[in-house]
Amino acid sequence: MTAPGPDRRPAASELPLYTAEEAATLLRCKASWLKEQARLRRIPFTMVAGAYRFTRAHLIQIVESNEHRIAGSESELALPPERVITKSQDAIAPLTAHPPRRPRRPT
């Protein structure tokens, strides 16, 4: 078996496949979350014999796709974005309460 070079992708037999439970242990999350995200096609996976399997590359992609990076400066983090009110927002009617469907029982 040769090491994969820049022009060669590793064969499937060279890649270890992790079950959802094994991948969840490595990612420190629940296996049910991994299965649900895979079912919704939000994370990469491989389907083998009707079961979700994950490669190391899949796990790296999952971590990178869920990473949240810090904005440029601390001042940007401290201040919430300003809200700009447009004319269309002024025309929206305020919410009004409706009477209850059933009268309240006396206590």
C-alpha atoms as a PDB file:
ATOM      1  CA  MET A   1       0.000   0.000   0.000  1.00  0.00           C
ATOM      2  CA  THR A   2       1.504   3.339  -1.020  1.00  0.00           C
ATOM      3  CA  ALA A   3       0.968   6.662   0.649  1.00  0.00           C
ATOM      4  CA  PRO A   4      -1.505   8.907  -1.140  1.00  0.00           C
ATOM      5  CA  GLY A   5       0.201  11.557  -3.200  1.00  0.00           C
ATOM      6  CA  PRO A   6      -1.190  14.897  -4.331  1.00  0.00           C
ATOM      7  CA  ASP A   7      -2.653  13.302  -7.491  1.00  0.00           C
ATOM      8  CA  ARG A   8      -3.985  10.142  -5.843  1.00  0.00           C
ATOM      9  CA  ARG A   9      -7.009   9.815  -3.607  1.00  0.00           C
ATOM     10  CA  PRO A  10      -6.832   7.058  -1.004  1.00  0.00           C
ATOM     11  CA  ALA A  11      -8.822   3.937  -1.808  1.00  0.00           C
ATOM     12  CA  ALA A  12     -11.941   3.227   0.187  1.00  0.00           C
ATOM     13  CA  SER A  13     -10.172   0.301   1.849  1.00  0.00           C
ATOM     14  CA  GLU A  14      -7.518   2.704   3.176  1.00  0.00           C
ATOM     15  CA  LEU A  15     -10.070   4.901   4.922  1.00  0.00           C
ATOM     16  CA  PRO A  16     -11.397   3.856   8.309  1.00  0.00           C
ATOM     17  CA  LEU A  17     -15.160   4.225   8.538  1.00  0.00           C
ATOM     18  CA  TYR A  18     -16.657   5.275  11.854  1.00  0.00           C
ATOM     19  CA  THR A  19     -20.169   4.406  12.973  1.00  0.00           C
ATOM     20  CA  ALA A  20     -22.400   7.228  14.189  1.00  0.00           C
ATOM     21  CA  GLU A  21     -21.654   6.193  17.778  1.00  0.00           C
ATOM     22  CA  GLU A  22     -17.868   6.184  17.204  1.00  0.00           C
ATOM     23  CA  ALA A  23     -17.997   9.514  15.364  1.00  0.00           C
ATOM     24  CA  ALA A  24     -20.165  10.998  18.123  1.00  0.00           C
ATOM     25  CA  THR A  25     -17.580   9.949  20.703  1.00  0.00           C
ATOM     26  CA  LEU A  26     -14.822  11.645  18.705  1.00  0.00           C
ATOM     27  CA  LEU A  27     -16.896  14.805  18.147  1.00  0.00           C
ATOM     28  CA  ARG A  28     -18.305  14.757  21.698  1.00  0.00           C
ATOM     29  CA  CYS A  29     -21.894  14.975  20.549  1.00  0.00           C
ATOM     30  CA  LYS A  30     -24.861  12.628  20.467  1.00  0.00           C
ATOM     31  CA  ALA A  31     -25.105   9.920  17.829  1.00  0.00           C
ATOM     32  CA  SER A  32     -28.753  10.887  17.335  1.00  0.00           C
ATOM     33  CA  TRP A  33     -27.653  14.422  16.342  1.00  0.00           C
ATOM     34  CA  LEU A  34     -25.245  13.020  13.744  1.00  0.00           C
ATOM     35  CA  LYS A  35     -27.897  10.711  12.322  1.00  0.00           C
ATOM     36  CA  GLU A  36     -30.488  13.491  12.161  1.00  0.00           C
ATOM     37  CA  GLN A  37     -28.079  15.905  10.458  1.00  0.00           C
ATOM     38  CA  ALA A  38     -27.066  13.196   7.978  1.00  0.00           C
ATOM     39  CA  ARG A  39     -30.718  12.366   7.301  1.00  0.00           C
ATOM     40  CA  LEU A  40     -31.366  16.045   6.549  1.00  0.00           C
ATOM     41  CA  ARG A  41     -28.229  16.108   4.330  1.00  0.00           C
ATOM     42  CA  ARG A  42     -26.628  18.864   6.437  1.00  0.00           C
ATOM     43  CA  ILE A  43     -23.373  16.980   7.058  1.00  0.00           C
ATOM     44  CA  PRO A  44     -21.270  14.687   4.850  1.00  0.00           C
ATOM     45  CA  PHE A  45     -21.603  10.931   5.340  1.00  0.00           C
ATOM     46  CA  THR A  46     -21.396   7.587   3.590  1.00  0.00           C
ATOM     47  CA  MET A  47     -24.238   5.091   3.596  1.00  0.00           C
ATOM     48  CA  VAL A  48     -23.007   1.512   3.973  1.00  0.00           C
ATOM     49  CA  ALA A  49     -25.516  -1.321   4.267  1.00  0.00           C
ATOM     50  CA  GLY A  50     -28.229   1.137   5.250  1.00  0.00           C
ATOM     51  CA  ALA A  51     -26.201   2.668   8.089  1.00  0.00           C
ATOM     52  CA  TYR A  52     -24.477   6.033   8.334  1.00  0.00           C
ATOM     53  CA  ARG A  53     -20.674   5.890   8.264  1.00  0.00           C
ATOM     54  CA  PHE A  54     -18.203   8.746   8.569  1.00  0.00           C
ATOM     55  CA  THR A  55     -14.595   9.089   7.381  1.00  0.00           C
ATOM     56  CA  ARG A  56     -11.949  11.285   8.967  1.00  0.00           C
ATOM     57  CA  ALA A  57     -12.477  13.773   6.141  1.00  0.00           C
ATOM     58  CA  HIS A  58     -16.202  13.844   6.934  1.00  0.00           C
ATOM     59  CA  LEU A  59     -15.496  14.542  10.616  1.00  0.00           C
ATOM     60  CA  ILE A  60     -13.113  17.370   9.708  1.00  0.00           C
ATOM     61  CA  GLN A  61     -15.733  18.880   7.370  1.00  0.00           C
ATOM     62  CA  ILE A  62     -18.392  18.634  10.095  1.00  0.00           C
ATOM     63  CA  VAL A  63     -16.171  20.485  12.567  1.00  0.00           C
ATOM     64  CA  GLU A  64     -15.189  23.149  10.022  1.00  0.00           C
ATOM     65  CA  SER A  65     -18.756  23.734   8.834  1.00  0.00           C
ATOM     66  CA  ASN A  66     -19.942  24.272  12.424  1.00  0.00           C
ATOM     67  CA  GLU A  67     -17.074  26.543  13.415  1.00  0.00           C
ATOM     68  CA  HIS A  68     -17.943  30.097  14.437  1.00  0.00           C
ATOM     69  CA  ARG A  69     -15.198  32.635  13.966  1.00  0.00           C
ATOM     70  CA  ILE A  70     -14.752  35.854  15.888  1.00  0.00           C
ATOM     71  CA  ALA A  71     -15.466  39.105  14.043  1.00  0.00           C
ATOM     72  CA  GLY A  72     -12.697  41.598  13.254  1.00  0.00           C
ATOM     73  CA  SER A  73     -12.495  43.748  16.377  1.00  0.00           C
ATOM     74  CA  GLU A  74     -13.824  43.709  19.931  1.00  0.00           C
ATOM     75  CA  SER A  75     -15.886  46.859  19.344  1.00  0.00           C
ATOM     76  CA  GLU A  76     -17.831  45.044  16.633  1.00  0.00           C
ATOM     77  CA  LEU A  77     -18.624  42.275  19.110  1.00  0.00           C
ATOM     78  CA  ALA A  78     -19.736  44.596  21.911  1.00  0.00           C
ATOM     79  CA  LEU A  79     -22.275  46.661  19.962  1.00  0.00           C
ATOM     80  CA  PRO A  80     -25.396  45.131  18.451  1.00  0.00           C
ATOM     81  CA  PRO A  81     -26.157  46.128  14.860  1.00  0.00           C
ATOM     82  CA  GLU A  82     -28.261  49.255  14.493  1.00  0.00           C
ATOM     83  CA  ARG A  83     -31.854  48.769  13.448  1.00  0.00           C
ATOM     84  CA  VAL A  84     -32.987  50.841  10.519  1.00  0.00           C
ATOM     85  CA  ILE A  85     -36.740  51.419  10.300  1.00  0.00           C
ATOM     86  CA  THR A  86     -38.071  51.722   6.786  1.00  0.00           C
ATOM     87  CA  LYS A  87     -41.394  53.126   5.632  1.00  0.00           C
ATOM     88  CA  SER A  88     -42.810  49.646   5.058  1.00  0.00           C
ATOM     89  CA  GLN A  89     -42.174  48.780   8.710  1.00  0.00           C
ATOM     90  CA  ASP A  90     -44.033  51.921   9.848  1.00  0.00           C
ATOM     91  CA  ALA A  91     -47.157  50.766   7.985  1.00  0.00           C
ATOM     92  CA  ILE A  92     -47.380  47.492   9.921  1.00  0.00           C
ATOM     93  CA  ALA A  93     -50.302  47.482  12.350  1.00  0.00           C
ATOM     94  CA  PRO A  94     -49.472  46.851  16.008  1.00  0.00           C
ATOM     95  CA  LEU A  95     -50.507  43.564  17.562  1.00  0.00           C
ATOM     96  CA  THR A  96     -53.791  43.476  19.436  1.00  0.00           C
ATOM     97  CA  ALA A  97     -54.979  40.925  21.973  1.00  0.00           C
ATOM     98  CA  HIS A  98     -57.981  38.757  21.180  1.00  0.00           C
ATOM     99  CA  PRO A  99     -60.517  37.726  23.818  1.00  0.00           C
ATOM    100  CA  PRO A 100     -59.971  34.218  25.220  1.00  0.00           C
ATOM    101  CA  ARG A 101     -61.741  31.359  23.430  1.00  0.00           C
ATOM    102  CA  ARG A 102     -63.304  30.027  26.612  1.00  0.00           C
ATOM    103  CA  PRO A 103     -64.240  32.035  29.656  1.00  0.00           C
ATOM    104  CA  ARG A 104     -62.046  31.402  32.656  1.00  0.00           C
ATOM    105  CA  ARG A 105     -63.420  29.232  35.402  1.00  0.00           C
ATOM    106  CA  PRO A 106     -63.856  30.902  38.763  1.00  0.00           C
ATOM    107  CA  THR A 107     -61.351  29.659  41.318  1.00  0.00           C
END
